Amino acid sequence: MDKQAVRESIIQGNTSLGIELGSTRIKAVLIDKQQKPVASGSHEWENQLIDGIWTYSLEEIWSGLQESYQHLKHEVWTLFDAELTQVGAIGFSAMMHGYMAFDKEDQLLVPFRTWRNSITAEAEKELTALFDYNIPQRWSIAHLYQAILNNETHVKDTVFFTTLAGYVHWQLTGEKVLGVGDASGMFPIDPQKKEYDSDMLEKFDQQVKGKQFLWKLKDILPTVLVAGESAGQLTEAGAKLLDPTGDLKAGIPLCPPEGDAGTGMTATNSVALRTGNISAGTSVFAMIVLEKELKNVHPELDLVTTPAGDLAAMVHANNCSSEINAWVKLFKEFADVSGFDISTEHLYEVLFKQALVGDKDCGGLLSYGYFSGENITHISEGRPLFVRTPDSLFNLANFMRVHLYSAFGALQIGMKILVEEEQVNIDRVMGHGGIFKTEGVAQRILAAAMDTPVSLMETAGEGGAWGIALLADYLKYAKQGQNLTDYLNIQVFGSNEGIEVVPDLEDVKGFEQFAKRYATGLPIEKAAVEFLN
């Protein structure tokens, strides 16, 4: 890194800033004009289960954003002896789906309902039948319709509803817009028009006609934008909201706010046809860009879009790393009380590597890392569960291996439907997310679960914050007529194909044995939910 050149870029504003609000961390990444990350800042947070609803408060959203930005700003000063007062473009992204409804006074009507909630089963069933199109429980329209079915009084006062990314963008720019990828997790998109599906909008309005609401659905949804379109500018009030010190200047252009699925695709160069990426963190989802629409409606498969508006199949499992994180935290607590000085990062590395020496089938162990309900396996509430028989080979290696297997257990079920039943062709799959930080572990296990090669790029650990920074940077290239695929191929990734891991035959056989045990044991998980209710 040429620090002097980066310093000049920062001073002149030839940079782009991306901030993503993930499930457990808000991360800000600043990139230079070569699209390379030069500084970052973050804030750790966690959702709360309040009155049966997974939520984050507005206060947490803004304090977290401000802290992550201030950490970034401090790192810029420390590394480059430069004040961060301007950037070339900004982008905001966040976990997709969920429900934030506002009245005419711009007041939040009910606490933010995140994607993690499994409280819209009735809406999911009715809307999927109405549209002949899979509407998962976490989608924004499912939350709205369930509120209608529940006769919640706030619905009649709703004049706007959006996602978390859409909310943040609106507060900073005054623009009620949303990137098409994030919008496709609110309501079905017509991939030809890059707009909400007009026939389905009409069907919904007819469905709720008897309620005599003063709104039509399209009027309360955010306006859809595709990657490269202008999404407004940072206002004076918005600049002070993000940077209360007042150093950040207003007038900075913003790209369309996006969801974490779209930023993951961008960060792994997976927006072209027949490419895909698997993003693994608190949840895990695979995004595969389709050549054509699916033949059938599958509750395990969502149809969303890339940030450019191309149709993609999403296999989304609500749970991935939360249970692993909980066990690592317990091991860290043991190390601390025993007087061992070991960092959390090193502990993850040690435990993950130990998983590789475990039995291929995990020694007969079984786990369900269901911190919340799981849509793919139809589990309504989270009940983390670890199970073994008296003759299971219970040791640390198998224990860690089974939890890594379980992280991809529900995902594998959905991917089999996509590949085997729908016969979708996939040329390349890229891994992305924090679970891949320990080299060669989760990547190898995912390759076995998918029975397909999985590649990681050096930048995979940068995550969605880097992805939304790229989408912000893309604004100037879109003005020059370059499409998003070419921008990523030419400007960002070049010939970088990543490090590929081919599935090991014995690993594949071992995961299949685990998968059968996983499917057979699901009644135990369901019984745990019923017993504790």
Protein backbone atom coordinates (compact mmCIF):
# COMPACT_ATOMS: atom_id res chain seq x y z
CA MET A 1 0.00 0.00 0.00
CA ASP A 2 1.34 3.42 -0.98
CA LYS A 3 0.28 5.35 2.12
CA GLN A 4 1.00 8.75 0.60
CA ALA A 5 -1.14 7.97 -2.45
CA VAL A 6 -3.96 6.72 -0.23
CA ARG A 7 -3.66 9.83 1.94
CA GLU A 8 -4.05 12.04 -1.12
CA SER A 9 -7.09 10.03 -2.23
CA ILE A 10 -8.66 10.49 1.20
CA ILE A 11 -7.98 14.24 1.27
CA GLN A 12 -9.33 14.69 -2.27
CA GLY A 13 -12.38 12.49 -1.63
CA ASN A 14 -11.40 9.88 -4.24
CA THR A 15 -12.68 7.07 -2.05
CA SER A 16 -15.91 5.18 -1.48
CA LEU A 17 -17.47 4.21 1.83
CA GLY A 18 -19.62 1.19 2.54
CA ILE A 19 -21.41 0.47 5.82
CA GLU A 20 -23.32 -2.74 6.43
CA LEU A 21 -25.56 -3.49 9.39
CA GLY A 22 -25.19 -7.23 9.88
CA SER A 23 -26.85 -9.39 12.51
CA THR A 24 -23.96 -9.20 14.96
CA ARG A 25 -21.75 -6.40 13.65
CA ILE A 26 -22.02 -3.03 11.96
CA LYS A 27 -18.96 -2.62 9.76
CA ALA A 28 -17.67 0.37 7.80
CA VAL A 29 -15.09 -0.04 5.03
CA LEU A 30 -13.32 2.72 3.10
CA ILE A 31 -11.86 1.81 -0.29
CA ASP A 32 -9.46 3.70 -2.54
CA LYS A 33 -9.80 4.33 -6.27
CA GLN A 34 -8.32 0.87 -6.96
CA GLN A 35 -11.26 -0.59 -4.97
CA LYS A 36 -8.93 -1.83 -2.22
CA PRO A 37 -9.96 -1.56 1.46
CA VAL A 38 -7.74 0.97 3.24
CA ALA A 39 -9.49 1.42 6.59
CA SER A 40 -12.39 -0.03 8.55
CA GLY A 41 -14.37 0.37 11.74
CA SER A 42 -16.96 -1.76 13.45
CA HIS A 43 -19.46 -2.05 16.27
CA GLU A 44 -20.62 -5.33 17.81
CA TRP A 45 -24.31 -5.68 18.53
CA GLU A 46 -26.97 -8.35 18.96
CA ASN A 47 -30.72 -8.52 18.47
CA GLN A 48 -33.01 -8.81 21.46
CA LEU A 49 -36.03 -11.09 21.92
CA ILE A 50 -38.65 -8.74 23.35
CA ASP A 51 -42.27 -9.86 23.78
CA GLY A 52 -41.59 -12.72 21.39
CA ILE A 53 -40.14 -10.44 18.67
CA TRP A 54 -36.51 -10.37 17.51
CA THR A 55 -35.65 -6.70 17.25
CA TYR A 56 -33.09 -3.89 17.45
CA SER A 57 -34.04 -0.48 18.83
CA LEU A 58 -33.65 2.71 16.82
CA GLU A 59 -31.21 3.93 19.47
CA GLU A 60 -29.03 0.85 18.90
CA ILE A 61 -29.11 1.38 15.15
CA TRP A 62 -27.83 4.95 15.32
CA SER A 63 -25.36 4.54 18.16
CA GLY A 64 -23.92 1.51 16.36
CA LEU A 65 -23.63 3.34 13.05
CA GLN A 66 -21.97 6.30 14.70
CA GLU A 67 -19.51 4.13 16.60
CA SER A 68 -18.49 2.10 13.54
CA TYR A 69 -17.97 5.32 11.58
CA GLN A 70 -15.94 6.90 14.39
CA HIS A 71 -13.72 3.81 14.57
CA LEU A 72 -13.17 4.07 10.81
CA LYS A 73 -12.43 7.77 11.10
CA HIS A 74 -9.90 7.12 13.89
CA GLU A 75 -8.17 4.43 11.83
CA VAL A 76 -7.92 6.80 8.86
CA TRP A 77 -6.24 9.38 11.09
CA THR A 78 -3.93 6.81 12.68
CA LEU A 79 -2.84 5.18 9.42
CA PHE A 80 -2.76 8.14 7.06
CA ASP A 81 -2.61 11.29 9.22
CA ALA A 82 -5.70 12.57 7.43
CA GLU A 83 -9.10 13.85 8.56
CA LEU A 84 -12.01 12.03 6.98
CA THR A 85 -14.29 14.85 5.87
CA GLN A 86 -15.44 13.72 2.44
CA VAL A 87 -15.71 10.62 0.29
CA GLY A 88 -16.58 10.11 -3.35
CA ALA A 89 -19.67 8.00 -2.70
CA ILE A 90 -21.41 6.17 0.14
CA GLY A 91 -23.53 3.03 0.29
CA PHE A 92 -25.54 1.44 3.08
CA SER A 93 -26.61 -2.16 3.31
CA ALA A 94 -28.15 -4.35 5.96
CA MET A 95 -29.67 -7.72 6.70
CA MET A 96 -32.51 -8.25 4.24
CA HIS A 97 -36.25 -8.53 4.84
CA GLY A 98 -37.94 -7.60 8.09
CA TYR A 99 -40.50 -4.89 8.72
CA MET A 100 -40.23 -1.22 9.65
CA ALA A 101 -43.55 0.63 9.31
CA PHE A 102 -43.96 4.40 9.68
CA ASP A 103 -46.86 6.85 9.98
CA LYS A 104 -47.34 10.25 8.36
CA GLU A 105 -45.22 11.84 11.09
CA ASP A 106 -42.34 9.49 10.18
CA GLN A 107 -42.69 7.69 13.50
CA LEU A 108 -41.99 3.98 13.79
CA LEU A 109 -45.35 2.35 14.48
CA VAL A 110 -44.16 -0.98 15.95
CA PRO A 111 -40.70 -2.20 16.96
CA PHE A 112 -38.51 -3.30 14.05
CA ARG A 113 -39.31 -6.93 13.20
CA THR A 114 -36.17 -8.56 11.83
CA TRP A 115 -35.75 -11.39 9.33
CA ARG A 116 -35.17 -13.74 12.25
CA ASN A 117 -38.81 -13.82 13.32
CA SER A 118 -40.90 -16.88 12.44
CA ILE A 119 -44.28 -15.36 13.23
CA THR A 120 -45.91 -15.07 9.81
CA ALA A 121 -46.76 -18.68 8.94
CA GLU A 122 -50.38 -17.89 8.08
CA ALA A 123 -49.36 -15.00 5.83
CA GLU A 124 -46.69 -17.12 4.16
CA LYS A 125 -49.24 -19.79 3.26
CA GLU A 126 -51.95 -17.43 1.99
CA LEU A 127 -49.66 -15.16 -0.04
CA THR A 128 -47.79 -18.06 -1.63
CA ALA A 129 -51.14 -19.46 -2.79
CA LEU A 130 -52.41 -16.05 -3.90
CA PHE A 131 -49.33 -15.24 -6.01
CA ASP A 132 -48.34 -18.82 -6.95
CA TYR A 133 -44.91 -17.59 -5.86
CA ASN A 134 -42.99 -18.49 -2.73
CA ILE A 135 -43.34 -15.82 -0.05
CA PRO A 136 -41.13 -16.75 2.93
CA GLN A 137 -42.02 -15.76 6.47
CA ARG A 138 -39.18 -13.27 6.78
CA TRP A 139 -40.24 -11.20 3.75
CA SER A 140 -41.56 -7.71 4.47
CA ILE A 141 -44.85 -8.34 2.68
CA ALA A 142 -45.45 -11.40 4.86
CA HIS A 143 -44.98 -9.26 7.97
CA LEU A 144 -47.40 -6.63 6.65
CA TYR A 145 -50.03 -9.19 5.69
CA GLN A 146 -49.70 -11.04 9.00
CA ALA A 147 -50.26 -7.74 10.80
CA ILE A 148 -53.43 -7.36 8.72
CA LEU A 149 -54.56 -10.89 9.57
CA ASN A 150 -53.87 -10.13 13.24
CA ASN A 151 -56.00 -6.97 13.00
CA GLU A 152 -53.12 -4.87 14.27
CA THR A 153 -54.30 -1.28 14.53
CA HIS A 154 -51.07 0.26 13.25
CA VAL A 155 -51.61 -0.98 9.68
CA LYS A 156 -54.26 1.64 8.86
CA ASP A 157 -51.82 4.39 9.88
CA THR A 158 -48.96 3.07 7.76
CA VAL A 159 -47.79 5.41 4.99
CA PHE A 160 -44.40 3.78 4.36
CA PHE A 161 -42.65 0.53 5.19
CA THR A 162 -39.15 -0.55 4.36
CA THR A 163 -36.12 -2.61 5.35
CA LEU A 164 -33.32 -1.62 7.72
CA ALA A 165 -31.06 -0.49 4.84
CA GLY A 166 -33.92 1.49 3.34
CA TYR A 167 -34.61 3.17 6.68
CA VAL A 168 -31.02 4.25 7.25
CA HIS A 169 -30.72 5.56 3.68
CA TRP A 170 -33.99 7.49 4.02
CA GLN A 171 -32.87 9.17 7.25
CA LEU A 172 -29.56 10.25 5.72
CA THR A 173 -30.84 11.40 2.32
CA GLY A 174 -34.58 11.95 2.60
CA GLU A 175 -35.07 9.44 -0.27
CA LYS A 176 -37.54 6.55 0.15
CA VAL A 177 -35.75 4.19 -2.24
CA LEU A 178 -34.30 0.69 -2.20
CA GLY A 179 -31.90 -1.31 -4.33
CA VAL A 180 -33.67 -3.94 -6.39
CA GLY A 181 -31.93 -6.81 -4.59
CA ASP A 182 -33.18 -5.67 -1.19
CA ALA A 183 -36.57 -4.76 -2.65
CA SER A 184 -36.92 -8.30 -3.99
CA GLY A 185 -36.97 -9.48 -0.36
CA MET A 186 -39.85 -7.14 0.37
CA PHE A 187 -42.13 -8.03 -2.55
CA PRO A 188 -41.72 -10.07 -5.78
CA ILE A 189 -39.89 -8.30 -8.60
CA ASP A 190 -40.63 -8.48 -12.33
CA PRO A 191 -37.11 -9.32 -13.63
CA GLN A 192 -37.88 -7.81 -17.04
CA LYS A 193 -39.09 -4.45 -15.76
CA LYS A 194 -36.88 -4.36 -12.63
CA GLU A 195 -39.95 -3.25 -10.70
CA TYR A 196 -42.44 -4.76 -8.26
CA ASP A 197 -44.62 -7.28 -10.09
CA SER A 198 -47.71 -5.27 -11.10
CA ASP A 199 -50.07 -8.27 -11.27
CA MET A 200 -49.15 -9.34 -7.76
CA LEU A 201 -49.55 -5.78 -6.47
CA GLU A 202 -53.08 -5.77 -7.89
CA LYS A 203 -53.85 -9.18 -6.37
CA PHE A 204 -52.71 -7.99 -2.96
CA ASP A 205 -54.80 -4.82 -3.12
CA GLN A 206 -57.85 -6.88 -4.08
CA GLN A 207 -57.13 -9.34 -1.25
CA VAL A 208 -57.27 -6.58 1.40
CA LYS A 209 -59.93 -4.46 -0.31
CA GLY A 210 -62.47 -5.20 2.40
CA LYS A 211 -60.24 -3.58 5.02
CA GLN A 212 -60.74 -0.20 3.33
CA PHE A 213 -57.21 1.02 3.91
CA LEU A 214 -56.47 4.51 2.59
CA TRP A 215 -53.34 3.21 0.81
CA LYS A 216 -52.48 1.05 -2.17
CA LEU A 217 -49.53 -1.27 -1.65
CA LYS A 218 -47.25 0.33 -4.25
CA ASP A 219 -47.73 3.73 -2.59
CA ILE A 220 -46.26 2.58 0.72
CA LEU A 221 -43.34 0.59 -0.71
CA PRO A 222 -39.94 2.21 -1.41
CA THR A 223 -39.08 3.09 -5.01
CA VAL A 224 -36.94 0.43 -6.71
CA LEU A 225 -33.51 1.34 -8.13
CA VAL A 226 -30.89 -0.81 -9.84
CA ALA A 227 -27.15 -0.70 -9.20
CA GLY A 228 -25.53 2.38 -10.69
CA GLU A 229 -28.58 4.62 -10.41
CA SER A 230 -28.36 7.75 -8.29
CA ALA A 231 -30.11 7.37 -4.94
CA GLY A 232 -29.74 10.90 -3.64
CA GLN A 233 -27.16 12.80 -1.61
CA LEU A 234 -26.15 13.02 2.00
CA THR A 235 -28.08 15.89 3.58
CA GLU A 236 -26.71 18.27 6.20
CA ALA A 237 -28.85 16.57 8.83
CA GLY A 238 -27.78 13.16 7.55
CA ALA A 239 -24.09 14.04 7.72
CA LYS A 240 -24.43 15.13 11.35
CA LEU A 241 -26.47 12.03 12.15
CA LEU A 242 -23.70 9.76 10.86
CA ASP A 243 -20.83 11.91 12.16
CA PRO A 244 -22.02 13.99 15.15
CA THR A 245 -18.64 15.78 15.26
CA GLY A 246 -19.72 17.70 12.17
CA ASP A 247 -16.56 16.89 10.20
CA LEU A 248 -18.32 14.95 7.44
CA LYS A 249 -19.51 17.14 4.59
CA ALA A 250 -22.98 16.97 3.04
CA GLY A 251 -23.64 16.51 -0.66
CA ILE A 252 -21.94 13.12 -1.06
CA PRO A 253 -23.76 10.91 -3.60
CA LEU A 254 -25.23 7.62 -2.39
CA CYS A 255 -25.86 4.40 -4.28
CA PRO A 256 -29.12 2.46 -3.83
CA PRO A 257 -29.25 0.82 -0.39
CA GLU A 258 -28.94 -2.95 -0.66
CA GLY A 259 -29.43 -6.13 1.32
CA ASP A 260 -26.68 -8.39 2.55
CA ALA A 261 -27.45 -10.96 -0.16
CA GLY A 262 -26.68 -8.45 -2.90
CA THR A 263 -23.53 -7.16 -1.23
CA GLY A 264 -22.32 -10.72 -0.73
CA MET A 265 -22.79 -11.41 -4.43
CA THR A 266 -20.91 -8.24 -5.28
CA ALA A 267 -18.05 -8.96 -2.87
CA THR A 268 -17.55 -12.41 -4.41
CA ASN A 269 -18.02 -11.44 -8.07
CA SER A 270 -21.13 -13.62 -8.29
CA VAL A 271 -23.60 -11.47 -10.23
CA ALA A 272 -23.21 -13.16 -13.63
CA LEU A 273 -25.46 -15.97 -14.91
CA ARG A 274 -24.70 -19.47 -13.57
CA THR A 275 -22.53 -18.12 -10.78
CA GLY A 276 -23.33 -18.28 -7.11
CA ASN A 277 -22.11 -17.48 -3.67
CA ILE A 278 -22.75 -18.82 -0.21
CA SER A 279 -22.72 -16.24 2.56
CA ALA A 280 -22.28 -17.73 6.02
CA GLY A 281 -22.66 -15.85 9.27
CA THR A 282 -25.54 -15.73 11.75
CA SER A 283 -27.66 -17.09 8.91
CA VAL A 284 -26.44 -18.86 5.78
CA PHE A 285 -27.75 -18.41 2.30
CA ALA A 286 -26.82 -19.43 -1.21
CA MET A 287 -27.49 -17.11 -4.12
CA ILE A 288 -27.48 -18.65 -7.60
CA VAL A 289 -28.04 -16.40 -10.64
CA LEU A 290 -30.53 -18.15 -12.90
CA GLU A 291 -30.68 -18.52 -16.65
CA LYS A 292 -34.46 -18.93 -16.51
CA GLU A 293 -37.30 -19.04 -14.00
CA LEU A 294 -37.86 -22.15 -11.91
CA LYS A 295 -40.42 -24.71 -13.07
CA ASN A 296 -42.16 -25.07 -9.71
CA VAL A 297 -42.80 -23.19 -6.51
CA HIS A 298 -40.70 -24.49 -3.62
CA PRO A 299 -41.05 -23.22 -0.05
CA GLU A 300 -37.31 -23.86 0.41
CA LEU A 301 -36.34 -21.60 -2.53
CA ASP A 302 -36.83 -17.84 -2.75
CA LEU A 303 -36.68 -15.87 -5.97
CA VAL A 304 -34.83 -12.59 -5.52
CA THR A 305 -32.49 -10.54 -7.71
CA THR A 306 -28.92 -9.38 -8.00
CA PRO A 307 -28.22 -5.66 -7.43
CA ALA A 308 -28.53 -5.31 -11.22
CA GLY A 309 -31.98 -6.90 -11.20
CA ASP A 310 -31.19 -10.36 -12.62
CA LEU A 311 -33.22 -13.25 -11.21
CA ALA A 312 -31.52 -15.35 -8.56
CA ALA A 313 -32.58 -18.32 -6.48
CA MET A 314 -31.91 -17.96 -2.77
CA VAL A 315 -31.66 -20.87 -0.38
CA HIS A 316 -31.87 -19.20 3.01
CA ALA A 317 -31.38 -20.96 6.33
CA ASN A 318 -32.04 -18.81 9.38
CA ASN A 319 -29.29 -20.42 11.45
CA CYS A 320 -25.60 -20.93 10.87
CA SER A 321 -22.89 -19.78 13.29
CA SER A 322 -24.79 -18.63 16.41
CA GLU A 323 -24.50 -21.98 18.19
CA ILE A 324 -20.84 -22.35 17.22
CA ASN A 325 -20.20 -18.87 18.63
CA ALA A 326 -21.98 -19.81 21.86
CA TRP A 327 -19.77 -22.87 22.38
CA VAL A 328 -16.59 -20.95 21.57
CA LYS A 329 -17.64 -18.34 24.11
CA LEU A 330 -18.02 -21.11 26.69
CA PHE A 331 -14.56 -22.48 25.88
CA LYS A 332 -13.16 -18.95 26.18
CA GLU A 333 -14.77 -18.57 29.59
CA PHE A 334 -13.16 -21.84 30.69
CA ALA A 335 -9.77 -20.66 29.41
CA ASP A 336 -10.13 -17.35 31.28
CA VAL A 337 -11.08 -18.88 34.64
CA SER A 338 -8.25 -21.41 34.22
CA GLY A 339 -5.74 -18.62 33.75
CA PHE A 340 -4.95 -19.33 30.09
CA ASP A 341 -4.25 -16.26 27.99
CA ILE A 342 -5.77 -17.09 24.60
CA SER A 343 -7.47 -14.67 22.23
CA THR A 344 -10.92 -15.42 20.87
CA GLU A 345 -9.53 -15.34 17.34
CA HIS A 346 -6.87 -17.93 18.16
CA LEU A 347 -9.42 -20.07 19.99
CA TYR A 348 -11.62 -20.19 16.87
CA GLU A 349 -8.61 -21.22 14.80
CA VAL A 350 -7.61 -24.00 17.21
CA LEU A 351 -11.13 -25.39 17.51
CA PHE A 352 -11.90 -25.19 13.80
CA LYS A 353 -8.67 -26.96 12.86
CA GLN A 354 -9.41 -29.66 15.42
CA ALA A 355 -12.66 -30.37 13.56
CA LEU A 356 -10.64 -31.54 10.56
CA VAL A 357 -9.20 -34.49 12.50
CA GLY A 358 -12.65 -35.68 13.57
CA ASP A 359 -14.45 -38.66 12.07
CA LYS A 360 -15.96 -38.00 8.65
CA ASP A 361 -19.45 -38.71 10.02
CA CYS A 362 -18.78 -36.83 13.29
CA GLY A 363 -18.69 -40.08 15.26
CA GLY A 364 -22.46 -40.37 15.39
CA LEU A 365 -23.00 -36.98 17.06
CA LEU A 366 -25.91 -34.71 16.12
CA SER A 367 -26.63 -31.03 16.65
CA TYR A 368 -29.17 -28.43 15.59
CA GLY A 369 -27.88 -24.89 15.90
CA TYR A 370 -31.40 -23.46 15.82
CA PHE A 371 -31.01 -20.25 17.77
CA SER A 372 -34.19 -19.12 16.00
CA GLY A 373 -36.87 -20.93 14.00
CA GLU A 374 -35.78 -22.62 10.78
CA ASN A 375 -37.91 -22.21 7.67
CA ILE A 376 -36.35 -24.96 5.57
CA THR A 377 -36.95 -27.69 8.15
CA HIS A 378 -40.24 -26.13 9.38
CA ILE A 379 -39.15 -25.53 12.97
CA SER A 380 -41.16 -22.65 14.41
CA GLU A 381 -38.85 -21.57 17.26
CA GLY A 382 -35.20 -21.82 18.15
CA ARG A 383 -34.10 -24.69 20.38
CA PRO A 384 -30.33 -25.27 20.11
CA LEU A 385 -29.83 -28.97 20.66
CA PHE A 386 -26.84 -31.32 20.92
CA VAL A 387 -27.55 -35.06 20.93
CA ARG A 388 -25.44 -38.18 21.28
CA THR A 389 -25.96 -41.85 21.98
CA PRO A 390 -23.97 -43.88 24.54
CA ASP A 391 -21.83 -45.36 21.78
CA SER A 392 -21.16 -42.08 19.93
CA LEU A 393 -17.51 -41.11 19.66
CA PHE A 394 -17.69 -38.00 21.84
CA ASN A 395 -14.49 -36.00 21.64
CA LEU A 396 -13.52 -32.41 20.88
CA ALA A 397 -12.78 -33.03 17.19
CA ASN A 398 -16.13 -34.69 16.52
CA PHE A 399 -17.91 -32.10 18.66
CA MET A 400 -16.55 -29.22 16.60
CA ARG A 401 -17.03 -31.07 13.32
CA VAL A 402 -20.70 -31.81 14.01
CA HIS A 403 -21.40 -28.15 14.77
CA LEU A 404 -19.75 -27.08 11.52
CA TYR A 405 -21.74 -29.74 9.65
CA SER A 406 -24.93 -28.55 11.34
CA ALA A 407 -24.21 -24.96 10.28
CA PHE A 408 -24.77 -26.11 6.67
CA GLY A 409 -27.36 -28.82 7.35
CA ALA A 410 -30.52 -26.92 6.44
CA LEU A 411 -28.79 -25.19 3.51
CA GLN A 412 -27.91 -28.53 1.94
CA ILE A 413 -31.57 -29.57 1.92
CA GLY A 414 -32.53 -26.51 -0.13
CA MET A 415 -29.57 -26.78 -2.49
CA LYS A 416 -30.46 -30.37 -3.35
CA ILE A 417 -33.89 -29.23 -4.51
CA LEU A 418 -32.32 -26.52 -6.66
CA VAL A 419 -29.76 -28.78 -8.31
CA GLU A 420 -31.53 -32.13 -8.45
CA GLU A 421 -35.19 -31.18 -8.97
CA GLU A 422 -34.84 -27.89 -10.84
CA GLN A 423 -31.61 -28.96 -12.60
CA VAL A 424 -30.04 -25.52 -12.23
CA ASN A 425 -26.55 -25.31 -13.70
CA ILE A 426 -23.84 -23.70 -11.58
CA ASP A 427 -20.43 -22.87 -13.02
CA ARG A 428 -18.84 -21.44 -9.90
CA VAL A 429 -19.62 -21.09 -6.18
CA MET A 430 -17.81 -18.58 -3.99
CA GLY A 431 -17.71 -18.69 -0.20
CA HIS A 432 -18.10 -15.50 1.82
CA GLY A 433 -18.42 -14.63 5.49
CA GLY A 434 -16.77 -14.84 8.88
CA ILE A 435 -17.05 -18.61 9.23
CA PHE A 436 -14.39 -18.95 6.50
CA LYS A 437 -11.71 -16.97 8.37
CA THR A 438 -9.83 -20.08 9.50
CA GLU A 439 -8.20 -21.19 6.28
CA GLY A 440 -9.27 -24.50 4.78
CA VAL A 441 -11.83 -25.56 7.40
CA ALA A 442 -15.37 -24.32 6.75
CA GLN A 443 -14.54 -24.13 3.03
CA ARG A 444 -13.69 -27.83 2.97
CA ILE A 445 -16.81 -28.77 4.93
CA LEU A 446 -19.04 -26.63 2.71
CA ALA A 447 -17.54 -28.27 -0.40
CA ALA A 448 -18.47 -31.64 1.09
CA ALA A 449 -21.99 -30.49 1.98
CA MET A 450 -22.62 -29.09 -1.51
CA ASP A 451 -20.58 -31.82 -3.26
CA THR A 452 -19.21 -29.08 -5.49
CA PRO A 453 -15.98 -27.02 -5.58
CA VAL A 454 -16.03 -23.91 -3.41
CA SER A 455 -13.68 -20.97 -3.95
CA LEU A 456 -12.63 -18.21 -1.57
CA MET A 457 -10.98 -14.94 -2.50
CA GLU A 458 -8.53 -13.09 -0.30
CA THR A 459 -11.14 -10.39 0.09
CA ALA A 460 -13.84 -12.80 1.30
CA GLY A 461 -13.28 -11.74 4.89
CA GLU A 462 -14.03 -8.10 4.05
CA GLY A 463 -17.69 -9.02 3.82
CA GLY A 464 -20.72 -7.09 2.72
CA ALA A 465 -19.36 -3.73 3.84
CA TRP A 466 -16.78 -4.01 1.08
CA GLY A 467 -19.54 -5.15 -1.28
CA ILE A 468 -21.65 -2.05 -0.68
CA ALA A 469 -18.53 0.14 -0.93
CA LEU A 470 -18.00 -1.37 -4.40
CA LEU A 471 -21.61 -0.60 -5.33
CA ALA A 472 -21.02 2.99 -4.21
CA ASP A 473 -17.82 3.13 -6.28
CA TYR A 474 -19.72 1.68 -9.26
CA LEU A 475 -21.80 4.85 -9.51
CA LYS A 476 -19.12 6.62 -11.54
CA TYR A 477 -18.52 3.62 -13.82
CA ALA A 478 -22.25 3.21 -14.48
CA LYS A 479 -22.28 6.79 -15.77
CA GLN A 480 -19.68 5.68 -18.31
CA GLY A 481 -22.00 2.90 -19.51
CA GLN A 482 -20.25 -0.06 -17.85
CA ASN A 483 -22.54 -2.79 -16.54
CA LEU A 484 -22.03 -4.27 -13.08
CA THR A 485 -20.63 -7.60 -14.29
CA ASP A 486 -17.97 -5.87 -16.41
CA TYR A 487 -17.12 -3.46 -13.60
CA LEU A 488 -16.44 -6.35 -11.22
CA ASN A 489 -14.56 -8.41 -13.81
CA ILE A 490 -12.42 -5.56 -15.11
CA GLN A 491 -12.03 -2.98 -12.35
CA VAL A 492 -12.17 -5.09 -9.21
CA PHE A 493 -11.27 -8.74 -9.61
CA GLY A 494 -9.37 -9.03 -12.87
CA SER A 495 -7.99 -12.55 -13.14
CA ASN A 496 -8.48 -13.33 -9.44
CA GLU A 497 -10.46 -16.58 -9.35
CA GLY A 498 -9.81 -17.28 -5.70
CA ILE A 499 -8.54 -20.42 -3.97
CA GLU A 500 -10.64 -23.44 -4.90
CA VAL A 501 -11.28 -26.48 -2.71
CA VAL A 502 -12.59 -29.58 -4.46
CA PRO A 503 -14.80 -31.85 -2.35
CA ASP A 504 -13.00 -34.83 -0.80
CA LEU A 505 -14.87 -38.06 -1.56
CA GLU A 506 -14.64 -39.31 2.03
CA ASP A 507 -15.84 -35.95 3.36
CA VAL A 508 -18.84 -36.11 0.99
CA LYS A 509 -19.73 -39.61 2.19
CA GLY A 510 -19.34 -38.51 5.80
CA PHE A 511 -21.58 -35.50 5.33
CA GLU A 512 -24.23 -37.65 3.65
CA GLN A 513 -24.23 -39.95 6.70
CA PHE A 514 -24.61 -36.90 8.92
CA ALA A 515 -27.38 -35.50 6.66
CA LYS A 516 -29.42 -38.69 7.05
CA ARG A 517 -28.99 -38.50 10.83
CA TYR A 518 -29.91 -34.79 10.69
CA ALA A 519 -33.15 -35.53 8.79
CA THR A 520 -34.04 -38.49 11.00
CA GLY A 521 -33.53 -36.48 14.18
CA LEU A 522 -35.76 -33.54 13.23
CA PRO A 523 -38.72 -34.94 15.25
CA ILE A 524 -36.51 -34.61 18.35
CA GLU A 525 -35.98 -30.94 17.57
CA LYS A 526 -39.70 -30.40 17.00
CA ALA A 527 -40.51 -32.20 20.25
CA ALA A 528 -38.10 -29.89 22.10
CA VAL A 529 -40.00 -26.87 20.80
CA GLU A 530 -43.35 -28.34 21.83
CA PHE A 531 -42.08 -29.48 25.24
CA LEU A 532 -40.71 -26.09 26.20
CA ASN A 533 -43.78 -24.17 25.06
